[in-house]
Amino acid sequence: MPPRQCPGCDAAPSERADHYADCPLKDVPLAEVAGLTFEEARARAAQWRARNT
């Protein structure tokens, strides 16, 4: 099972609430992208941004 971390900054939701400051995915909730590959996370982030902005 892959680690449940952000592929952009390695932040883990079990350890912190938000991404690290320099993360390219920081505008998307950490729980949305944790455990995904970077490409999967970018696609999920685009979907999240389309629904929430």
Protein backbone atom coordinates (compact mmCIF):
# COMPACT_ATOMS: atom_id res chain seq x y z
CA MET A 1 0.00 0.00 0.00
CA PRO A 2 1.43 3.43 -0.92
CA PRO A 3 2.13 5.94 1.84
CA ARG A 4 -0.70 8.38 2.47
CA GLN A 5 1.33 11.49 1.71
CA CYS A 6 1.11 14.36 -0.70
CA PRO A 7 3.16 13.56 -3.80
CA GLY A 8 4.12 17.22 -4.14
CA CYS A 9 5.54 17.86 -0.68
CA ASP A 10 5.41 14.59 1.32
CA ALA A 11 3.08 16.07 3.94
CA ALA A 12 1.09 13.35 5.69
CA PRO A 13 -2.48 14.07 6.82
CA SER A 14 -1.88 12.00 9.94
CA GLU A 15 0.87 14.43 10.96
CA ARG A 16 -0.33 17.84 9.76
CA ALA A 17 -3.47 19.55 8.45
CA ASP A 18 -1.98 21.34 5.45
CA HIS A 19 0.64 21.02 2.75
CA TYR A 20 4.10 22.49 3.18
CA ALA A 21 4.35 26.11 2.00
CA ASP A 22 6.24 25.39 -1.24
CA CYS A 23 3.94 22.58 -2.42
CA PRO A 24 2.53 23.00 -5.95
CA LEU A 25 -0.75 21.44 -4.73
CA LYS A 26 -1.14 23.62 -1.62
CA ASP A 27 -4.46 25.15 -2.72
CA VAL A 28 -6.13 21.70 -2.70
CA PRO A 29 -7.00 19.95 0.58
CA LEU A 30 -4.26 17.54 1.62
CA ALA A 31 -6.74 14.67 2.01
CA GLU A 32 -7.73 15.02 -1.68
CA VAL A 33 -4.28 14.15 -2.99
CA ALA A 34 -2.63 12.08 -0.26
CA GLY A 35 -1.59 8.66 -1.49
CA LEU A 36 -1.82 9.46 -5.20
CA THR A 37 0.97 9.67 -7.75
CA PHE A 38 1.93 13.19 -8.76
CA GLU A 39 0.11 12.86 -12.10
CA GLU A 40 -3.03 11.50 -10.41
CA ALA A 41 -2.84 14.29 -7.84
CA ARG A 42 -2.55 16.96 -10.55
CA ALA A 43 -5.66 15.57 -12.26
CA ARG A 44 -7.58 15.37 -8.97
CA ALA A 45 -6.46 18.90 -8.08
CA ALA A 46 -7.74 20.22 -11.43
CA GLN A 47 -11.12 18.58 -10.79
CA TRP A 48 -11.24 19.96 -7.25
CA ARG A 49 -10.36 23.47 -8.45
CA ALA A 50 -13.07 23.32 -11.13
CA ARG A 51 -15.69 22.40 -8.51
CA ASN A 52 -14.53 24.80 -5.81
CA THR A 53 -13.42 28.04 -7.48
